[in-house]
């Protein structure tokens, strides 16, 4: 929830409030004379002194000035930058309480928006809460007044980059090298023409850094980058324009990045800009759970919509008779086909299609019969394929969601319009210490 123009002067004196609940963004909710107050850094049940920072017609915003009565769920944030950096919002909350809050958030939005309640609640999927993030886009800004280049995430509710020295949620190959990266970027001739660095770390901890260079780099900068790559044992890639211009600088022929699903004997190569799940351990638990909940056997034909590189499709093909994966980006589809070939998987096919288009229902692949469907849509959800799901009328659907609101909206359609029931739902803590919620739901016909 971004800050808007203030509608009234902000009082300087703090107010004492009792926090009632937590927003989906991780802010405490209190009331002052009946008006909602969103308090950064406050937890449910706490009594805090809060200092107002913005006033609006329907709500006000504040930050914790002092915790007067702490919640038993409060812990000391590990990161020294917590509260300033916008990368995390829940480090002051215990891991167990974070997961419980996310589970409740999903169940509440399903009930209030989707008008559905799952028959069963899935146990949350959890893994290591620190150093888990293997994919990230780091902002870069050269600010001489702050000592040179800044690298990291933006400040909370601001367009300015936070001044970071380390990051506790990034994989250590990058999170513990923030200062090294900052110092290095400050030495480049193009230090004020590199706005971001993309990070990708694979299962072997090979680390690729993609430097977005707005201008052609000098020969001296090219040599500096090569020296940096060798000294830090990282791959350095350049992106002079769009994503299709990404190319390796050093080494010239880097080892391919990959991640694996050991339970299914699947290895998936990926490029440093490809979409892959940021949390390896959660992904390794999420895919087997989805396949288990689909109840897939060799007699089944499975449709995997929004299939990407084949994260679900290829493991599914180890269990099902046949799998059809569909993705909107033709480049991703080509990569998925290559990945199937790489793994020697023959009972899978991939198609490129705009899954929000009205005519998708008439595509040849859509006219084939299926027994199971897996959905893994982007944040916008799967509204565009609901007509297709209605026509296919499969007995079992597993929906993997990165946005509880669109999951609830689509659950409403599946249950109240297409005749499914919500058999189970639960969360996966893909992004510990953030308010981001990933979940999984199972819909059964009849």
Protein backbone atom coordinates (compact mmCIF):
# COMPACT_ATOMS: atom_id res chain seq x y z
CA UNK A 1 0.00 0.00 0.00
CA UNK A 2 1.85 3.08 -1.23
CA UNK A 3 1.68 6.39 0.50
CA UNK A 4 -0.49 9.08 -1.03
CA UNK A 5 -0.63 12.81 -0.60
CA UNK A 6 -1.40 13.76 2.97
CA UNK A 7 -4.91 15.07 3.50
CA UNK A 8 -4.24 16.62 6.91
CA UNK A 9 -1.27 17.70 9.06
CA UNK A 10 0.45 14.83 10.82
CA UNK A 11 0.49 15.12 14.64
CA UNK A 12 3.98 15.07 16.13
CA UNK A 13 3.02 13.37 19.37
CA UNK A 14 2.86 9.53 19.32
CA UNK A 15 -0.40 7.73 20.01
CA UNK A 16 -0.81 4.66 22.19
CA UNK A 17 -2.76 1.85 20.54
CA UNK A 18 -3.48 -1.87 20.82
CA UNK A 19 -2.93 -3.81 17.62
CA UNK A 20 -5.86 -5.98 16.58
CA UNK A 21 -4.66 -7.83 13.48
CA UNK A 22 -2.18 -7.89 10.62
CA UNK A 23 -2.71 -6.66 7.05
CA UNK A 24 -1.73 -8.86 4.14
CA UNK A 25 1.24 -6.50 3.74
CA UNK A 26 2.48 -7.30 7.26
CA UNK A 27 1.40 -4.10 9.01
CA UNK A 28 -0.39 -4.01 12.34
CA UNK A 29 -3.99 -2.79 12.36
CA UNK A 30 -5.26 -0.61 15.21
CA UNK A 31 -8.06 1.93 15.58
CA UNK A 32 -7.98 5.50 16.86
CA UNK A 33 -11.43 6.96 17.46
CA UNK A 34 -12.85 4.40 15.07
CA UNK A 35 -10.42 5.14 12.23
CA UNK A 36 -8.06 2.44 10.98
CA UNK A 37 -4.38 2.93 11.70
CA UNK A 38 -1.80 0.82 9.87
CA UNK A 39 1.35 0.49 11.96
CA UNK A 40 4.67 -0.64 10.50
CA UNK A 41 6.58 -2.94 12.86
CA UNK A 42 3.62 -3.85 15.10
CA UNK A 43 2.22 -7.32 15.74
CA UNK A 44 -1.27 -8.47 16.73
CA UNK A 45 -1.95 -8.22 20.47
CA UNK A 46 0.77 -5.66 21.10
CA UNK A 47 0.34 -2.33 22.82
CA UNK A 48 2.60 0.19 21.14
CA UNK A 49 3.36 3.85 20.99
CA UNK A 50 3.03 4.75 17.32
CA UNK A 51 4.14 7.87 15.50
CA UNK A 52 1.92 8.95 12.59
CA UNK A 53 3.63 9.43 9.24
CA UNK A 54 0.65 10.01 6.92
CA UNK A 55 -3.05 10.77 7.20
CA UNK A 56 -5.77 9.85 4.72
CA UNK A 57 -9.53 10.11 4.60
CA UNK A 58 -10.24 6.48 5.51
CA UNK A 59 -7.07 5.43 7.30
CA UNK A 60 -3.83 6.71 8.76
CA UNK A 61 -0.30 5.29 8.69
CA UNK A 62 2.26 5.07 11.46
CA UNK A 63 5.46 3.41 12.57
CA UNK A 64 6.25 1.91 15.96
CA UNK A 65 7.90 4.41 18.26
CA UNK A 66 8.06 2.05 21.26
CA UNK A 67 6.72 -1.43 22.03
CA UNK A 68 4.96 -1.15 25.40
CA UNK A 69 3.65 -4.73 25.60
CA UNK A 70 5.32 -7.16 23.20
CA UNK A 71 3.70 -10.13 21.50
CA UNK A 72 5.18 -13.54 22.32
CA UNK A 73 5.68 -13.84 18.56
CA UNK A 74 8.10 -10.89 18.46
CA UNK A 75 11.74 -11.70 17.73
CA UNK A 76 14.84 -9.61 17.12
CA UNK A 77 15.31 -9.00 13.37
CA UNK A 78 18.51 -10.57 12.09
CA UNK A 79 19.19 -7.91 9.47
CA UNK A 80 20.60 -4.55 10.54
CA UNK A 81 18.72 -2.90 7.66
CA UNK A 82 15.29 -4.21 8.62
CA UNK A 83 12.77 -1.38 8.80
CA UNK A 84 14.56 0.67 6.16
CA UNK A 85 14.97 -1.87 3.35
CA UNK A 86 11.73 -2.80 1.63
CA UNK A 87 12.90 -6.32 0.82
CA UNK A 88 11.49 -7.76 4.07
CA UNK A 89 8.54 -6.77 6.24
CA UNK A 90 8.24 -9.57 8.83
CA UNK A 91 11.67 -10.20 10.32
CA UNK A 92 10.37 -9.02 13.71
CA UNK A 93 7.91 -11.96 13.72
CA UNK A 94 8.81 -15.57 14.54
CA UNK A 95 8.95 -18.01 11.64
CA UNK A 96 6.02 -20.02 12.98
CA UNK A 97 3.89 -16.91 13.45
CA UNK A 98 4.68 -15.73 9.92
CA UNK A 99 3.49 -18.99 8.43
CA UNK A 100 0.37 -19.03 10.59
CA UNK A 101 -0.46 -15.47 9.50
CA UNK A 102 -0.05 -16.40 5.85
CA UNK A 103 -2.21 -19.49 6.28
CA UNK A 104 -4.94 -17.40 7.90
CA UNK A 105 -4.67 -14.78 5.15
CA UNK A 106 -5.34 -17.41 2.48
CA UNK A 107 -8.24 -18.98 4.36
CA UNK A 108 -9.82 -15.59 5.07
CA UNK A 109 -9.66 -14.37 1.49
CA UNK A 110 -11.02 -17.70 0.21
CA UNK A 111 -13.96 -17.37 2.56
CA UNK A 112 -14.67 -13.65 2.16
CA UNK A 113 -13.90 -13.21 -1.55
CA UNK A 114 -14.39 -16.68 -2.97
CA UNK A 115 -17.19 -17.68 -0.58
CA UNK A 116 -15.51 -21.07 -0.19
CA UNK A 117 -13.98 -23.00 2.70
CA UNK A 118 -11.60 -25.93 2.09
CA UNK A 119 -12.68 -29.29 3.46
CA UNK A 120 -9.08 -29.85 4.61
CA UNK A 121 -6.19 -27.53 5.42
CA UNK A 122 -2.82 -28.62 4.07
CA UNK A 123 0.17 -28.51 6.38
CA UNK A 124 2.36 -25.53 5.43
CA UNK A 125 5.50 -26.21 3.42
CA UNK A 126 8.53 -24.66 5.13
CA UNK A 127 12.30 -24.75 4.64
CA UNK A 128 15.32 -22.66 5.61
CA UNK A 129 14.28 -19.10 6.38
CA UNK A 130 17.63 -17.41 5.64
CA UNK A 131 19.85 -17.26 2.58
CA UNK A 132 17.13 -18.94 0.54
CA UNK A 133 16.68 -16.45 -2.29
CA UNK A 134 18.44 -17.64 -5.45
CA UNK A 135 16.83 -15.22 -7.91
CA UNK A 136 16.64 -11.47 -7.47
CA UNK A 137 16.83 -8.16 -9.27
CA UNK A 138 19.04 -5.74 -7.38
CA UNK A 139 18.82 -2.03 -8.03
CA UNK A 140 22.03 -0.06 -8.54
CA UNK A 141 22.53 3.68 -8.06
CA UNK A 142 25.76 5.63 -7.95
CA UNK A 143 25.42 8.21 -5.16
CA UNK A 144 28.73 9.91 -4.33
CA UNK A 145 27.26 11.56 -1.23
CA UNK A 146 26.58 8.08 0.19
CA UNK A 147 30.02 6.75 -0.54
CA UNK A 148 29.60 5.45 -4.09
CA UNK A 149 27.41 2.77 -5.60
CA UNK A 150 24.36 1.48 -3.72
CA UNK A 151 23.19 -2.08 -4.43
CA UNK A 152 20.05 -3.80 -3.18
CA UNK A 153 16.34 -3.25 -2.71
CA UNK A 154 14.40 -0.04 -2.41
CA UNK A 155 13.60 1.59 0.88
CA UNK A 156 10.17 0.82 2.24
CA UNK A 157 7.55 3.06 0.58
CA UNK A 158 10.24 4.90 -1.38
CA UNK A 159 11.90 4.95 -4.78
CA UNK A 160 15.31 5.39 -3.15
CA UNK A 161 17.67 2.44 -2.80
CA UNK A 162 18.42 1.36 0.73
CA UNK A 163 22.07 1.60 1.77
CA UNK A 164 22.82 -2.08 2.36
CA UNK A 165 26.00 -3.76 3.52
CA UNK A 166 24.60 -7.31 3.43
CA UNK A 167 21.34 -9.15 2.82
CA UNK A 168 20.25 -12.05 5.02
CA UNK A 169 17.64 -13.51 2.65
CA UNK A 170 19.76 -13.54 -0.50
CA UNK A 171 21.88 -16.61 -1.13
CA UNK A 172 25.21 -16.01 0.67
CA UNK A 173 27.16 -15.96 -2.61
CA UNK A 174 25.56 -12.55 -3.16
CA UNK A 175 24.02 -11.56 0.17
CA UNK A 176 27.41 -11.57 1.90
CA UNK A 177 29.10 -9.78 -0.99
CA UNK A 178 26.96 -6.65 -1.19
CA UNK A 179 29.83 -4.43 -0.07
CA UNK A 180 32.24 -6.13 -2.49
CA UNK A 181 29.75 -5.54 -5.30
CA UNK A 182 29.21 -1.92 -4.23
CA UNK A 183 32.92 -1.19 -4.08
CA UNK A 184 33.50 -2.83 -7.45
CA UNK A 185 30.70 -0.97 -9.22
CA UNK A 186 32.09 2.30 -7.89
CA UNK A 187 35.34 1.66 -9.81
CA UNK A 188 33.68 1.35 -13.23
CA UNK A 189 33.73 4.13 -15.81
CA UNK A 190 30.04 3.28 -16.38
CA UNK A 191 29.16 3.33 -12.67
CA UNK A 192 26.25 5.75 -13.24
CA UNK A 193 24.97 3.83 -16.29
CA UNK A 194 24.32 0.43 -14.68
CA UNK A 195 20.83 0.54 -13.10
CA UNK A 196 20.47 -3.09 -12.01
CA UNK A 197 22.13 -6.45 -11.50
CA UNK A 198 20.14 -9.66 -11.91
CA UNK A 199 21.14 -12.56 -9.67
CA UNK A 200 20.74 -16.25 -10.43
CA UNK A 201 22.19 -19.05 -8.29
CA UNK A 202 21.80 -22.69 -9.32
CA UNK A 203 21.79 -25.95 -7.38
CA UNK A 204 25.59 -26.17 -7.48
CA UNK A 205 25.73 -22.62 -6.05
CA UNK A 206 27.07 -21.35 -9.37
CA UNK A 207 26.26 -17.65 -9.36
CA UNK A 208 25.46 -15.56 -12.41
CA UNK A 209 25.33 -11.75 -12.27
CA UNK A 210 23.73 -9.94 -15.19
CA UNK A 211 24.83 -6.30 -15.41
CA UNK A 212 22.34 -4.09 -17.23
CA UNK A 213 24.56 -1.63 -19.09
CA UNK A 214 22.73 1.32 -20.64
CA UNK A 215 25.79 2.27 -22.73
CA UNK A 216 28.53 0.30 -24.42
CA UNK A 217 31.25 -0.43 -21.88
CA UNK A 218 34.80 0.81 -22.22
CA UNK A 219 37.62 -1.66 -22.80
CA UNK A 220 38.86 -0.88 -19.30
CA UNK A 221 35.46 -1.74 -17.78
CA UNK A 222 35.32 -4.98 -19.73
CA UNK A 223 38.67 -5.99 -18.29
CA UNK A 224 37.57 -4.95 -14.79
CA UNK A 225 34.48 -7.12 -15.08
CA UNK A 226 36.51 -10.11 -16.25
CA UNK A 227 38.90 -9.69 -13.34
CA UNK A 228 35.96 -9.40 -10.93
CA UNK A 229 34.37 -12.59 -12.31
CA UNK A 230 37.59 -14.56 -11.81
CA UNK A 231 38.32 -13.13 -8.36
CA UNK A 232 34.79 -13.76 -7.03
CA UNK A 233 34.22 -17.04 -8.92
CA UNK A 234 31.01 -15.80 -10.50
CA UNK A 235 29.65 -15.65 -14.02
CA UNK A 236 29.37 -12.11 -15.40
CA UNK A 237 26.78 -11.47 -18.09
CA UNK A 238 25.87 -8.23 -19.86
CA UNK A 239 22.46 -6.92 -20.95
CA UNK A 240 22.90 -3.90 -23.22
CA UNK A 241 19.24 -3.70 -24.26
CA UNK A 242 16.26 -6.07 -23.94
CA UNK A 243 16.29 -9.58 -22.42
CA UNK A 244 17.24 -11.12 -25.78
CA UNK A 245 20.56 -9.23 -25.72
CA UNK A 246 21.87 -10.99 -22.59
CA UNK A 247 25.21 -12.65 -23.25
CA UNK A 248 28.10 -14.00 -21.15
CA UNK A 249 31.22 -11.90 -20.77
CA UNK A 250 33.29 -14.05 -18.41
CA UNK A 251 33.68 -16.92 -18.72
CA UNK A 252 32.87 -16.74 -22.43
CA UNK A 253 31.33 -20.23 -22.23
CA UNK A 254 30.01 -20.51 -18.66
CA UNK A 255 28.83 -23.74 -17.09
CA UNK A 256 25.06 -24.03 -17.63
CA UNK A 257 22.88 -23.17 -14.65
CA UNK A 258 20.41 -25.83 -13.58
CA UNK A 259 18.10 -26.90 -10.78
CA UNK A 260 16.93 -30.42 -10.02
CA UNK A 261 13.99 -32.46 -8.81
CA UNK A 262 15.86 -35.43 -7.36
CA UNK A 263 12.65 -37.33 -6.56
CA UNK A 264 11.87 -37.46 -10.28
CA UNK A 265 15.38 -37.69 -11.76
CA UNK A 266 14.86 -34.34 -13.52
CA UNK A 267 17.44 -31.60 -14.11
CA UNK A 268 16.22 -28.34 -15.61
CA UNK A 269 18.79 -26.02 -17.22
CA UNK A 270 17.90 -22.32 -17.12
CA UNK A 271 19.28 -18.98 -18.22
CA UNK A 272 20.13 -16.20 -15.76
CA UNK A 273 17.01 -14.22 -16.72
CA UNK A 274 14.62 -17.17 -16.93
CA UNK A 275 11.76 -17.33 -14.45
CA UNK A 276 12.48 -20.04 -11.87
CA UNK A 277 11.30 -20.37 -8.29
CA UNK A 278 13.50 -18.36 -5.95
CA UNK A 279 13.45 -20.93 -3.14
CA UNK A 280 15.00 -24.25 -4.19
CA UNK A 281 13.97 -26.24 -1.12
CA UNK A 282 10.33 -25.13 -1.23
CA UNK A 283 10.20 -25.88 -4.95
CA UNK A 284 11.53 -29.38 -4.31
CA UNK A 285 8.71 -29.92 -1.79
CA UNK A 286 6.00 -28.11 -3.75
CA UNK A 287 6.21 -30.16 -6.94
CA UNK A 288 5.90 -33.59 -5.25
CA UNK A 289 2.96 -32.30 -3.19
CA UNK A 290 1.15 -31.05 -6.30
CA UNK A 291 1.67 -34.36 -8.07
CA UNK A 292 0.51 -36.29 -5.01
CA UNK A 293 -2.62 -34.14 -4.71
CA UNK A 294 -3.39 -34.60 -8.40
CA UNK A 295 -3.41 -38.37 -7.80
CA UNK A 296 -1.65 -38.97 -11.10
CA UNK A 297 -1.09 -42.42 -12.54
CA UNK A 298 0.18 -43.87 -15.84
CA UNK A 299 -3.39 -44.00 -17.16
CA UNK A 300 -3.82 -40.22 -16.96
CA UNK A 301 -3.40 -37.38 -19.43
CA UNK A 302 -2.42 -34.16 -17.63
CA UNK A 303 -2.70 -30.57 -18.83
CA UNK A 304 -0.16 -28.17 -17.26
CA UNK A 305 -1.22 -24.57 -17.91
CA UNK A 306 1.33 -21.74 -17.48
CA UNK A 307 4.04 -24.40 -17.61
CA UNK A 308 7.13 -22.20 -17.99
CA UNK A 309 10.32 -24.22 -18.40
CA UNK A 310 8.55 -27.42 -17.37
CA UNK A 311 8.92 -27.15 -13.59
CA UNK A 312 5.80 -29.28 -13.07
CA UNK A 313 5.44 -30.80 -16.55
CA UNK A 314 8.65 -32.81 -16.54
CA UNK A 315 8.21 -34.39 -13.08
CA UNK A 316 4.55 -35.03 -13.96
CA UNK A 317 5.65 -36.90 -17.07
CA UNK A 318 7.56 -39.34 -14.84
CA UNK A 319 4.21 -40.37 -13.29
CA UNK A 320 1.53 -39.74 -15.94
CA UNK A 321 0.82 -41.40 -19.25
CA UNK A 322 1.05 -38.12 -21.16
CA UNK A 323 1.51 -34.44 -20.29
CA UNK A 324 0.69 -31.34 -22.31
CA UNK A 325 2.32 -28.11 -21.18
CA UNK A 326 1.09 -24.72 -22.38
CA UNK A 327 2.86 -21.39 -21.90
CA UNK A 328 2.38 -17.90 -23.31
CA UNK A 329 6.02 -17.19 -24.22
CA UNK A 330 7.31 -19.06 -27.26
CA UNK A 331 10.90 -18.77 -26.02
CA UNK A 332 9.97 -20.53 -22.78
CA UNK A 333 8.16 -23.25 -24.72
CA UNK A 334 11.26 -23.87 -26.83
CA UNK A 335 13.32 -24.10 -23.65
CA UNK A 336 10.80 -26.52 -22.12
CA UNK A 337 11.09 -28.76 -25.17
CA UNK A 338 14.86 -28.68 -24.90
CA UNK A 339 14.57 -29.57 -21.22
CA UNK A 340 12.38 -32.57 -22.03
CA UNK A 341 14.97 -33.69 -24.58
CA UNK A 342 17.76 -33.12 -22.05
CA UNK A 343 16.00 -35.43 -19.58
CA UNK A 344 15.06 -38.05 -22.16
CA UNK A 345 11.33 -37.52 -21.51
CA UNK A 346 9.19 -38.44 -24.52
CA UNK A 347 5.64 -38.43 -23.14
CA UNK A 348 5.34 -34.66 -22.93
CA UNK A 349 4.53 -31.98 -25.50
CA UNK A 350 4.62 -28.20 -25.21
CA UNK A 351 2.61 -25.49 -26.95
CA UNK A 352 2.78 -21.70 -27.04
CA UNK A 353 -0.57 -19.96 -26.57
CA UNK A 354 -2.02 -16.79 -25.10
CA UNK A 355 -3.98 -18.28 -22.23
CA UNK A 356 -6.00 -15.10 -21.79
CA UNK A 357 -7.25 -15.16 -25.40
CA UNK A 358 -10.87 -16.05 -26.09
CA UNK A 359 -10.00 -18.47 -28.88
CA UNK A 360 -7.67 -20.57 -26.73
CA UNK A 361 -10.55 -22.99 -26.22
CA UNK A 362 -10.39 -23.86 -29.94
CA UNK A 363 -6.67 -24.69 -30.06
CA UNK A 364 -5.97 -28.26 -31.22
CA UNK A 365 -4.28 -29.17 -27.94
CA UNK A 366 -7.31 -27.86 -26.03
CA UNK A 367 -9.64 -30.25 -27.85
CA UNK A 368 -7.78 -33.30 -26.59
CA UNK A 369 -9.13 -35.14 -23.58
CA UNK A 370 -7.53 -34.73 -20.15
CA UNK A 371 -7.95 -36.38 -16.76
CA UNK A 372 -6.06 -33.88 -14.60
CA UNK A 373 -5.15 -30.17 -14.79
CA UNK A 374 -2.40 -28.26 -13.00
CA UNK A 375 -2.56 -24.45 -12.93
CA UNK A 376 0.41 -22.27 -11.98
CA UNK A 377 -0.63 -18.81 -13.20
CA UNK A 378 1.04 -15.43 -12.63
CA UNK A 379 -0.34 -12.94 -10.09
CA UNK A 380 -3.22 -12.06 -12.41
CA UNK A 381 -4.60 -15.56 -11.90
CA UNK A 382 -6.35 -17.98 -14.25
CA UNK A 383 -9.57 -16.15 -15.14
CA UNK A 384 -8.73 -16.41 -18.84
CA UNK A 385 -8.85 -20.22 -18.84
CA UNK A 386 -12.04 -20.72 -16.82
CA UNK A 387 -14.14 -21.30 -19.94
CA UNK A 388 -11.62 -23.91 -21.07
CA UNK A 389 -11.70 -25.60 -17.67
CA UNK A 390 -15.48 -25.72 -17.84
CA UNK A 391 -15.41 -27.47 -21.18
CA UNK A 392 -12.66 -29.94 -20.25
CA UNK A 393 -14.55 -30.89 -17.07
CA UNK A 394 -11.71 -32.91 -15.54
CA UNK A 395 -12.31 -34.60 -12.18
CA UNK A 396 -9.32 -33.04 -10.39
CA UNK A 397 -7.48 -29.68 -10.55
CA UNK A 398 -4.50 -28.47 -8.52
CA UNK A 399 -4.05 -24.69 -8.48
CA UNK A 400 -0.67 -23.24 -7.43
CA UNK A 401 -1.08 -19.57 -6.59
CA UNK A 402 1.21 -16.60 -5.92
CA UNK A 403 -1.70 -14.25 -5.16
CA UNK A 404 -4.43 -15.18 -2.64
CA UNK A 405 -6.84 -12.59 -4.08
CA UNK A 406 -6.88 -14.05 -7.59
CA UNK A 407 -6.93 -17.59 -6.20
CA UNK A 408 -10.08 -16.67 -4.26
CA UNK A 409 -11.67 -15.06 -7.32
CA UNK A 410 -10.95 -18.15 -9.44
CA UNK A 411 -12.09 -20.47 -6.64
CA UNK A 412 -15.43 -18.67 -6.70
CA UNK A 413 -15.78 -19.50 -10.40
CA UNK A 414 -14.61 -23.09 -10.06
CA UNK A 415 -16.95 -23.86 -7.15
CA UNK A 416 -20.03 -21.76 -7.84
CA UNK A 417 -20.05 -21.82 -11.65
CA UNK A 418 -18.19 -24.96 -12.73
CA UNK A 419 -19.35 -27.41 -10.08
CA UNK A 420 -16.11 -28.13 -8.24
CA UNK A 421 -15.60 -28.34 -4.50
CA UNK A 422 -12.54 -27.06 -2.68
CA UNK A 423 -11.07 -30.20 -1.17
CA UNK A 424 -7.92 -28.70 0.37
CA UNK A 425 -5.79 -25.58 0.55
CA UNK A 426 -2.63 -24.45 2.31
CA UNK A 427 0.41 -22.21 2.07
CA UNK A 428 4.03 -22.63 1.03
CA UNK A 429 6.51 -20.25 2.64
CA UNK A 430 8.39 -19.47 -0.56
CA UNK A 431 9.42 -16.00 0.67
CA UNK A 432 10.14 -16.06 4.43
CA UNK A 433 10.23 -12.67 6.20
CA UNK A 434 8.09 -11.07 3.50
CA UNK A 435 4.33 -10.72 3.25
CA UNK A 436 4.33 -12.55 -0.09
CA UNK A 437 2.04 -15.60 0.06
CA UNK A 438 2.21 -18.70 -2.13
CA UNK A 439 -0.45 -21.35 -1.77
CA UNK A 440 -1.89 -24.51 -3.26
CA UNK A 441 -5.50 -25.59 -3.62
CA UNK A 442 -7.17 -28.80 -4.77
CA UNK A 443 -10.53 -28.75 -6.59
CA UNK A 444 -12.51 -31.94 -7.12
CA UNK A 445 -15.54 -32.33 -9.37
CA UNK A 446 -18.84 -32.97 -7.72
